[in-house]
Amino acid sequence: MSGASTRLYVGRLAPDTPLPFQKPDLSNVQLITNALSSESCAKKGHKLTLQEVYEWLQNTYPWFSQNGRKTGRDWQSSIRHTLSLIHI
């Protein structure tokens, strides 16, 4: 799932499409991979800064823009930690 588009099946959301403010059911590696595979990343030479990965997640999945350090859900640290472990 690219995460960038919402698919409809006969008037309802596709089974793998998260509700607007539901956390996507994807691992951090999958989320990062989706960001790096996105059209916006391709336009930037297939490179994104950490801040651009955060912004892509917030723009693609509303849950990320509604949750963060202020709400006790520090997903930014989790994404940053995952990036420190994977070799791209």
PDB file of N, CA and C in Angstrom:
ATOM      1  N   MET A   1       0.832  -1.175   0.000  1.00  0.00           N
ATOM      2  CA  MET A   1       0.000   0.000   0.000  1.00  0.00           C
ATOM      3  C   MET A   1       0.875   1.235   0.000  1.00  0.00           C
ATOM      4  N   SER A   2       0.641   2.140  -0.900  1.00  0.00           N
ATOM      5  CA  SER A   2       1.466   3.331  -0.981  1.00  0.00           C
ATOM      6  C   SER A   2       1.147   4.316   0.117  1.00  0.00           C
ATOM      7  N   GLY A   3      -0.065   4.294   0.634  1.00  0.00           N
ATOM      8  CA  GLY A   3      -0.429   5.208   1.687  1.00  0.00           C
ATOM      9  C   GLY A   3      -0.809   6.586   1.178  1.00  0.00           C
ATOM     10  N   ALA A   4      -0.448   6.914  -0.041  1.00  0.00           N
ATOM     11  CA  ALA A   4      -0.690   8.238  -0.572  1.00  0.00           C
ATOM     12  C   ALA A   4      -2.097   8.394  -1.123  1.00  0.00           C
ATOM     13  N   SER A   5      -2.778   7.310  -1.418  1.00  0.00           N
ATOM     14  CA  SER A   5      -4.104   7.421  -1.996  1.00  0.00           C
ATOM     15  C   SER A   5      -5.106   6.622  -1.179  1.00  0.00           C
ATOM     16  N   THR A   6      -6.341   7.060  -1.238  1.00  0.00           N
ATOM     17  CA  THR A   6      -7.422   6.345  -0.578  1.00  0.00           C
ATOM     18  C   THR A   6      -8.200   5.615  -1.643  1.00  0.00           C
ATOM     19  N   ARG A   7      -8.379   4.315  -1.460  1.00  0.00           N
ATOM     20  CA  ARG A   7      -9.119   3.514  -2.426  1.00  0.00           C
ATOM     21  C   ARG A   7     -10.516   3.283  -1.915  1.00  0.00           C
ATOM     22  N   LEU A   8     -11.466   3.307  -2.807  1.00  0.00           N
ATOM     23  CA  LEU A   8     -12.848   3.049  -2.428  1.00  0.00           C
ATOM     24  C   LEU A   8     -13.327   1.747  -3.032  1.00  0.00           C
ATOM     25  N   TYR A   9     -14.060   0.983  -2.271  1.00  0.00           N
ATOM     26  CA  TYR A   9     -14.708  -0.235  -2.743  1.00  0.00           C
ATOM     27  C   TYR A   9     -16.205  -0.066  -2.536  1.00  0.00           C
ATOM     28  N   VAL A  10     -16.925   0.102  -3.596  1.00  0.00           N
ATOM     29  CA  VAL A  10     -18.381   0.216  -3.570  1.00  0.00           C
ATOM     30  C   VAL A  10     -18.831   1.101  -2.401  1.00  0.00           C
ATOM     31  N   GLY A  11     -18.351   2.336  -2.383  1.00  0.00           N
ATOM     32  CA  GLY A  11     -18.807   3.309  -1.408  1.00  0.00           C
ATOM     33  C   GLY A  11     -18.197   3.210  -0.024  1.00  0.00           C
ATOM     34  N   ARG A  12     -17.208   2.375   0.177  1.00  0.00           N
ATOM     35  CA  ARG A  12     -16.565   2.299   1.485  1.00  0.00           C
ATOM     36  C   ARG A  12     -15.052   2.231   1.289  1.00  0.00           C
ATOM     37  N   LEU A  13     -14.317   2.480   2.348  1.00  0.00           N
ATOM     38  CA  LEU A  13     -12.862   2.448   2.273  1.00  0.00           C
ATOM     39  C   LEU A  13     -12.364   1.025   2.071  1.00  0.00           C
ATOM     40  N   ALA A  14     -11.261   0.900   1.369  1.00  0.00           N
ATOM     41  CA  ALA A  14     -10.635  -0.407   1.187  1.00  0.00           C
ATOM     42  C   ALA A  14     -10.246  -0.970   2.555  1.00  0.00           C
ATOM     43  N   PRO A  15     -10.213  -2.295   2.694  1.00  0.00           N
ATOM     44  CA  PRO A  15      -9.906  -2.906   3.997  1.00  0.00           C
ATOM     45  C   PRO A  15      -8.566  -2.484   4.589  1.00  0.00           C
ATOM     46  N   ASP A  16      -7.566  -2.190   3.770  1.00  0.00           N
ATOM     47  CA  ASP A  16      -6.245  -1.844   4.289  1.00  0.00           C
ATOM     48  C   ASP A  16      -6.028  -0.344   4.412  1.00  0.00           C
ATOM     49  N   THR A  17      -7.065   0.466   4.224  1.00  0.00           N
ATOM     50  CA  THR A  17      -6.959   1.911   4.344  1.00  0.00           C
ATOM     51  C   THR A  17      -7.342   2.313   5.762  1.00  0.00           C
ATOM     52  N   PRO A  18      -6.404   2.957   6.515  1.00  0.00           N
ATOM     53  CA  PRO A  18      -6.740   3.339   7.885  1.00  0.00           C
ATOM     54  C   PRO A  18      -7.804   4.436   7.896  1.00  0.00           C
ATOM     55  N   LEU A  19      -8.607   4.454   8.954  1.00  0.00           N
ATOM     56  CA  LEU A  19      -9.552   5.541   9.132  1.00  0.00           C
ATOM     57  C   LEU A  19      -8.759   6.838   9.266  1.00  0.00           C
ATOM     58  N   PRO A  20      -9.367   7.992   8.987  1.00  0.00           N
ATOM     59  CA  PRO A  20      -8.617   9.246   8.946  1.00  0.00           C
ATOM     60  C   PRO A  20      -7.683   9.506  10.127  1.00  0.00           C
ATOM     61  N   PHE A  21      -8.111   9.215  11.348  1.00  0.00           N
ATOM     62  CA  PHE A  21      -7.234   9.497  12.481  1.00  0.00           C
ATOM     63  C   PHE A  21      -6.803   8.239  13.209  1.00  0.00           C
ATOM     64  N   GLN A  22      -6.779   7.127  12.484  1.00  0.00           N
ATOM     65  CA  GLN A  22      -6.316   5.853  13.021  1.00  0.00           C
ATOM     66  C   GLN A  22      -4.845   5.689  12.649  1.00  0.00           C
ATOM     67  N   LYS A  23      -4.056   5.196  13.586  1.00  0.00           N
ATOM     68  CA  LYS A  23      -2.645   4.958  13.295  1.00  0.00           C
ATOM     69  C   LYS A  23      -2.547   3.882  12.217  1.00  0.00           C
ATOM     70  N   PRO A  24      -1.731   4.129  11.172  1.00  0.00           N
ATOM     71  CA  PRO A  24      -1.599   3.108  10.123  1.00  0.00           C
ATOM     72  C   PRO A  24      -1.007   1.815  10.676  1.00  0.00           C
ATOM     73  N   ASP A  25      -1.489   0.701  10.165  1.00  0.00           N
ATOM     74  CA  ASP A  25      -1.031  -0.614  10.611  1.00  0.00           C
ATOM     75  C   ASP A  25       0.179  -1.032   9.790  1.00  0.00           C
ATOM     76  N   LEU A  26       1.236  -0.238   9.897  1.00  0.00           N
ATOM     77  CA  LEU A  26       2.483  -0.484   9.170  1.00  0.00           C
ATOM     78  C   LEU A  26       3.643  -0.336  10.141  1.00  0.00           C
ATOM     79  N   SER A  27       4.693  -1.096   9.915  1.00  0.00           N
ATOM     80  CA  SER A  27       5.889  -0.957  10.745  1.00  0.00           C
ATOM     81  C   SER A  27       6.583   0.358  10.401  1.00  0.00           C
ATOM     82  N   ASN A  28       7.464   0.789  11.285  1.00  0.00           N
ATOM     83  CA  ASN A  28       8.231   2.007  10.996  1.00  0.00           C
ATOM     84  C   ASN A  28       9.069   1.851   9.735  1.00  0.00           C
ATOM     85  N   VAL A  29       9.613   0.664   9.513  1.00  0.00           N
ATOM     86  CA  VAL A  29      10.400   0.415   8.297  1.00  0.00           C
ATOM     87  C   VAL A  29       9.514   0.588   7.066  1.00  0.00           C
ATOM     88  N   GLN A  30       8.285   0.064   7.127  1.00  0.00           N
ATOM     89  CA  GLN A  30       7.361   0.209   5.998  1.00  0.00           C
ATOM     90  C   GLN A  30       6.987   1.678   5.774  1.00  0.00           C
ATOM     91  N   LEU A  31       6.751   2.412   6.858  1.00  0.00           N
ATOM     92  CA  LEU A  31       6.411   3.827   6.735  1.00  0.00           C
ATOM     93  C   LEU A  31       7.556   4.611   6.099  1.00  0.00           C
ATOM     94  N   ILE A  32       8.765   4.355   6.551  1.00  0.00           N
ATOM     95  CA  ILE A  32       9.944   5.038   6.007  1.00  0.00           C
ATOM     96  C   ILE A  32      10.144   4.660   4.543  1.00  0.00           C
ATOM     97  N   THR A  33       9.974   3.388   4.237  1.00  0.00           N
ATOM     98  CA  THR A  33      10.100   2.924   2.844  1.00  0.00           C
ATOM     99  C   THR A  33       9.072   3.615   1.961  1.00  0.00           C
ATOM    100  N   ASN A  34       7.839   3.742   2.444  1.00  0.00           N
ATOM    101  CA  ASN A  34       6.808   4.435   1.677  1.00  0.00           C
ATOM    102  C   ASN A  34       7.191   5.891   1.432  1.00  0.00           C
ATOM    103  N   ALA A  35       7.726   6.548   2.444  1.00  0.00           N
ATOM    104  CA  ALA A  35       8.146   7.940   2.287  1.00  0.00           C
ATOM    105  C   ALA A  35       9.250   8.052   1.240  1.00  0.00           C
ATOM    106  N   LEU A  36      10.219   7.137   1.309  1.00  0.00           N
ATOM    107  CA  LEU A  36      11.345   7.189   0.377  1.00  0.00           C
ATOM    108  C   LEU A  36      10.969   6.723  -1.031  1.00  0.00           C
ATOM    109  N   SER A  37       9.849   6.041  -1.153  1.00  0.00           N
ATOM    110  CA  SER A  37       9.363   5.590  -2.462  1.00  0.00           C
ATOM    111  C   SER A  37       8.331   6.556  -3.050  1.00  0.00           C
ATOM    112  N   SER A  38       8.031   7.598  -2.338  1.00  0.00           N
ATOM    113  CA  SER A  38       6.967   8.518  -2.749  1.00  0.00           C
ATOM    114  C   SER A  38       7.385   9.383  -3.939  1.00  0.00           C
ATOM    115  N   GLU A  39       6.375   9.922  -4.583  1.00  0.00           N
ATOM    116  CA  GLU A  39       6.607  10.817  -5.717  1.00  0.00           C
ATOM    117  C   GLU A  39       7.352  12.074  -5.269  1.00  0.00           C
ATOM    118  N   SER A  40       7.013  12.586  -4.089  1.00  0.00           N
ATOM    119  CA  SER A  40       7.693  13.789  -3.606  1.00  0.00           C
ATOM    120  C   SER A  40       9.177  13.520  -3.346  1.00  0.00           C
ATOM    121  N   CYS A  41       9.507  12.324  -2.917  1.00  0.00           N
ATOM    122  CA  CYS A  41      10.907  11.959  -2.712  1.00  0.00           C
ATOM    123  C   CYS A  41      11.632  11.833  -4.045  1.00  0.00           C
ATOM    124  N   ALA A  42      10.962  11.257  -5.032  1.00  0.00           N
ATOM    125  CA  ALA A  42      11.560  11.120  -6.365  1.00  0.00           C
ATOM    126  C   ALA A  42      11.905  12.492  -6.942  1.00  0.00           C
ATOM    127  N   LYS A  43      11.042  13.474  -6.672  1.00  0.00           N
ATOM    128  CA  LYS A  43      11.288  14.833  -7.166  1.00  0.00           C
ATOM    129  C   LYS A  43      12.494  15.480  -6.491  1.00  0.00           C
ATOM    130  N   LYS A  44      12.885  14.954  -5.339  1.00  0.00           N
ATOM    131  CA  LYS A  44      14.019  15.496  -4.589  1.00  0.00           C
ATOM    132  C   LYS A  44      15.254  14.621  -4.753  1.00  0.00           C
ATOM    133  N   GLY A  45      15.324  13.859  -5.832  1.00  0.00           N
ATOM    134  CA  GLY A  45      16.491  13.026  -6.084  1.00  0.00           C
ATOM    135  C   GLY A  45      16.545  11.786  -5.214  1.00  0.00           C
ATOM    136  N   HIS A  46      15.399  11.289  -4.784  1.00  0.00           N
ATOM    137  CA  HIS A  46      15.287  10.090  -3.948  1.00  0.00           C
ATOM    138  C   HIS A  46      16.003  10.242  -2.608  1.00  0.00           C
ATOM    139  N   LYS A  47      15.979  11.478  -2.083  1.00  0.00           N
ATOM    140  CA  LYS A  47      16.556  11.736  -0.765  1.00  0.00           C
ATOM    141  C   LYS A  47      15.606  12.627   0.022  1.00  0.00           C
ATOM    142  N   LEU A  48      15.463  12.342   1.314  1.00  0.00           N
ATOM    143  CA  LEU A  48      14.664  13.161   2.207  1.00  0.00           C
ATOM    144  C   LEU A  48      15.449  13.395   3.493  1.00  0.00           C
ATOM    145  N   THR A  49      15.300  14.577   4.052  1.00  0.00           N
ATOM    146  CA  THR A  49      15.852  14.823   5.381  1.00  0.00           C
ATOM    147  C   THR A  49      14.926  14.172   6.399  1.00  0.00           C
ATOM    148  N   LEU A  50      15.381  14.060   7.629  1.00  0.00           N
ATOM    149  CA  LEU A  50      14.542  13.505   8.688  1.00  0.00           C
ATOM    150  C   LEU A  50      13.264  14.332   8.825  1.00  0.00           C
ATOM    151  N   GLN A  51      13.391  15.646   8.793  1.00  0.00           N
ATOM    152  CA  GLN A  51      12.221  16.523   8.903  1.00  0.00           C
ATOM    153  C   GLN A  51      11.252  16.282   7.742  1.00  0.00           C
ATOM    154  N   GLU A  52      11.766  16.042   6.548  1.00  0.00           N
ATOM    155  CA  GLU A  52      10.904  15.768   5.394  1.00  0.00           C
ATOM    156  C   GLU A  52      10.182  14.421   5.534  1.00  0.00           C
ATOM    157  N   VAL A  53      10.829  13.436   6.162  1.00  0.00           N
ATOM    158  CA  VAL A  53      10.155  12.155   6.436  1.00  0.00           C
ATOM    159  C   VAL A  53       9.000  12.406   7.409  1.00  0.00           C
ATOM    160  N   TYR A  54       9.258  13.179   8.476  1.00  0.00           N
ATOM    161  CA  TYR A  54       8.200  13.522   9.426  1.00  0.00           C
ATOM    162  C   TYR A  54       7.041  14.217   8.709  1.00  0.00           C
ATOM    163  N   GLU A  55       7.366  15.199   7.884  1.00  0.00           N
ATOM    164  CA  GLU A  55       6.328  15.961   7.175  1.00  0.00           C
ATOM    165  C   GLU A  55       5.535  15.067   6.224  1.00  0.00           C
ATOM    166  N   TRP A  56       6.218  14.144   5.529  1.00  0.00           N
ATOM    167  CA  TRP A  56       5.520  13.229   4.624  1.00  0.00           C
ATOM    168  C   TRP A  56       4.534  12.367   5.412  1.00  0.00           C
ATOM    169  N   LEU A  57       4.980  11.853   6.565  1.00  0.00           N
ATOM    170  CA  LEU A  57       4.097  11.033   7.391  1.00  0.00           C
ATOM    171  C   LEU A  57       2.879  11.837   7.856  1.00  0.00           C
ATOM    172  N   GLN A  58       3.108  13.062   8.280  1.00  0.00           N
ATOM    173  CA  GLN A  58       2.007  13.898   8.754  1.00  0.00           C
ATOM    174  C   GLN A  58       1.038  14.254   7.628  1.00  0.00           C
ATOM    175  N   ASN A  59       1.554  14.478   6.444  1.00  0.00           N
ATOM    176  CA  ASN A  59       0.705  14.822   5.303  1.00  0.00           C
ATOM    177  C   ASN A  59      -0.033  13.615   4.738  1.00  0.00           C
ATOM    178  N   THR A  60       0.549  12.448   4.883  1.00  0.00           N
ATOM    179  CA  THR A  60      -0.038  11.230   4.318  1.00  0.00           C
ATOM    180  C   THR A  60      -0.990  10.544   5.283  1.00  0.00           C
ATOM    181  N   TYR A  61      -0.648  10.539   6.547  1.00  0.00           N
ATOM    182  CA  TYR A  61      -1.451   9.873   7.569  1.00  0.00           C
ATOM    183  C   TYR A  61      -1.824  10.892   8.654  1.00  0.00           C
ATOM    184  N   PRO A  62      -3.075  11.342   8.690  1.00  0.00           N
ATOM    185  CA  PRO A  62      -3.485  12.358   9.663  1.00  0.00           C
ATOM    186  C   PRO A  62      -3.165  12.007  11.122  1.00  0.00           C
ATOM    187  N   TRP A  63      -3.096  10.719  11.442  1.00  0.00           N
ATOM    188  CA  TRP A  63      -2.783  10.333  12.827  1.00  0.00           C
ATOM    189  C   TRP A  63      -1.488  10.985  13.290  1.00  0.00           C
ATOM    190  N   PHE A  64      -0.490  11.039  12.429  1.00  0.00           N
ATOM    191  CA  PHE A  64       0.809  11.589  12.821  1.00  0.00           C
ATOM    192  C   PHE A  64       0.753  13.088  13.098  1.00  0.00           C
ATOM    193  N   SER A  65      -0.119  13.801  12.390  1.00  0.00           N
ATOM    194  CA  SER A  65      -0.232  15.239  12.651  1.00  0.00           C
ATOM    195  C   SER A  65      -1.017  15.522  13.931  1.00  0.00           C
ATOM    196  N   GLN A  66      -1.831  14.573  14.387  1.00  0.00           N
ATOM    197  CA  GLN A  66      -2.642  14.747  15.591  1.00  0.00           C
ATOM    198  C   GLN A  66      -1.981  14.180  16.847  1.00  0.00           C
ATOM    199  N   ASN A  67      -0.915  13.440  16.690  1.00  0.00           N
ATOM    200  CA  ASN A  67      -0.250  12.796  17.819  1.00  0.00           C
ATOM    201  C   ASN A  67       1.238  13.097  17.788  1.00  0.00           C
ATOM    202  N   GLY A  68       1.782  13.353  18.932  1.00  0.00           N
ATOM    203  CA  GLY A  68       3.205  13.661  19.018  1.00  0.00           C
ATOM    204  C   GLY A  68       3.624  13.760  20.474  1.00  0.00           C
ATOM    205  N   ARG A  69       4.732  14.420  20.706  1.00  0.00           N
ATOM    206  CA  ARG A  69       5.271  14.518  22.069  1.00  0.00           C
ATOM    207  C   ARG A  69       4.269  15.125  23.036  1.00  0.00           C
ATOM    208  N   LYS A  70       3.514  16.119  22.582  1.00  0.00           N
ATOM    209  CA  LYS A  70       2.560  16.795  23.469  1.00  0.00           C
ATOM    210  C   LYS A  70       1.439  15.868  23.925  1.00  0.00           C
ATOM    211  N   THR A  71       1.142  14.839  23.160  1.00  0.00           N
ATOM    212  CA  THR A  71       0.075  13.902  23.517  1.00  0.00           C
ATOM    213  C   THR A  71       0.630  12.627  24.140  1.00  0.00           C
ATOM    214  N   GLY A  72       1.933  12.555  24.357  1.00  0.00           N
ATOM    215  CA  GLY A  72       2.542  11.372  24.953  1.00  0.00           C
ATOM    216  C   GLY A  72       2.869  10.285  23.951  1.00  0.00           C
ATOM    217  N   ARG A  73       2.681  10.585  22.666  1.00  0.00           N
ATOM    218  CA  ARG A  73       3.003   9.602  21.627  1.00  0.00           C
ATOM    219  C   ARG A  73       4.185  10.134  20.828  1.00  0.00           C
ATOM    220  N   ASP A  74       5.362   9.765  21.250  1.00  0.00           N
ATOM    221  CA  ASP A  74       6.582  10.306  20.640  1.00  0.00           C
ATOM    222  C   ASP A  74       7.007   9.473  19.436  1.00  0.00           C
ATOM    223  N   TRP A  75       6.218   9.498  18.380  1.00  0.00           N
ATOM    224  CA  TRP A  75       6.513   8.707  17.191  1.00  0.00           C
ATOM    225  C   TRP A  75       7.754   9.212  16.468  1.00  0.00           C
ATOM    226  N   GLN A  76       8.089  10.505  16.602  1.00  0.00           N
ATOM    227  CA  GLN A  76       9.278  11.024  15.929  1.00  0.00           C
ATOM    228  C   GLN A  76      10.544  10.311  16.420  1.00  0.00           C
ATOM    229  N   SER A  77      10.638  10.108  17.716  1.00  0.00           N
ATOM    230  CA  SER A  77      11.804   9.399  18.265  1.00  0.00           C
ATOM    231  C   SER A  77      11.861   7.968  17.754  1.00  0.00           C
ATOM    232  N   SER A  78      10.698   7.351  17.629  1.00  0.00           N
ATOM    233  CA  SER A  78      10.631   5.981  17.136  1.00  0.00           C
ATOM    234  C   SER A  78      11.098   5.900  15.676  1.00  0.00           C
ATOM    235  N   ILE A  79      10.661   6.837  14.863  1.00  0.00           N
ATOM    236  CA  ILE A  79      11.093   6.877  13.459  1.00  0.00           C
ATOM    237  C   ILE A  79      12.596   7.129  13.383  1.00  0.00           C
ATOM    238  N   ARG A  80      13.079   8.089  14.156  1.00  0.00           N
ATOM    239  CA  ARG A  80      14.515   8.404  14.168  1.00  0.00           C
ATOM    240  C   ARG A  80      15.332   7.198  14.607  1.00  0.00           C
ATOM    241  N   HIS A  81      14.876   6.496  15.634  1.00  0.00           N
ATOM    242  CA  HIS A  81      15.580   5.305  16.117  1.00  0.00           C
ATOM    243  C   HIS A  81      15.603   4.225  15.024  1.00  0.00           C
ATOM    244  N   THR A  82      14.480   4.011  14.355  1.00  0.00           N
ATOM    245  CA  THR A  82      14.411   3.007  13.283  1.00  0.00           C
ATOM    246  C   THR A  82      15.393   3.360  12.180  1.00  0.00           C
ATOM    247  N   LEU A  83      15.458   4.631  11.813  1.00  0.00           N
ATOM    248  CA  LEU A  83      16.407   5.049  10.771  1.00  0.00           C
ATOM    249  C   LEU A  83      17.847   4.774  11.190  1.00  0.00           C
ATOM    250  N   SER A  84      18.144   4.875  12.465  1.00  0.00           N
ATOM    251  CA  SER A  84      19.519   4.627  12.926  1.00  0.00           C
ATOM    252  C   SER A  84      19.886   3.146  12.829  1.00  0.00           C
ATOM    253  N   LEU A  85      18.867   2.283  12.752  1.00  0.00           N
ATOM    254  CA  LEU A  85      19.117   0.836  12.702  1.00  0.00           C
ATOM    255  C   LEU A  85      19.157   0.238  11.297  1.00  0.00           C
ATOM    256  N   ILE A  86      18.487   0.891  10.375  1.00  0.00           N
ATOM    257  CA  ILE A  86      18.418   0.328   9.008  1.00  0.00           C
ATOM    258  C   ILE A  86      19.471   0.965   8.116  1.00  0.00           C
ATOM    259  N   HIS A  87      19.921   0.201   7.151  1.00  0.00           N
ATOM    260  CA  HIS A  87      20.918   0.678   6.198  1.00  0.00           C
ATOM    261  C   HIS A  87      20.226   0.880   4.858  1.00  0.00           C
ATOM    262  N   ILE A  88      20.235   2.118   4.416  1.00  0.00           N
ATOM    263  CA  ILE A  88      19.572   2.445   3.150  1.00  0.00           C
ATOM    264  C   ILE A  88      20.627   2.725   2.103  1.00  0.00           C
TER     265      ILE A  88
END
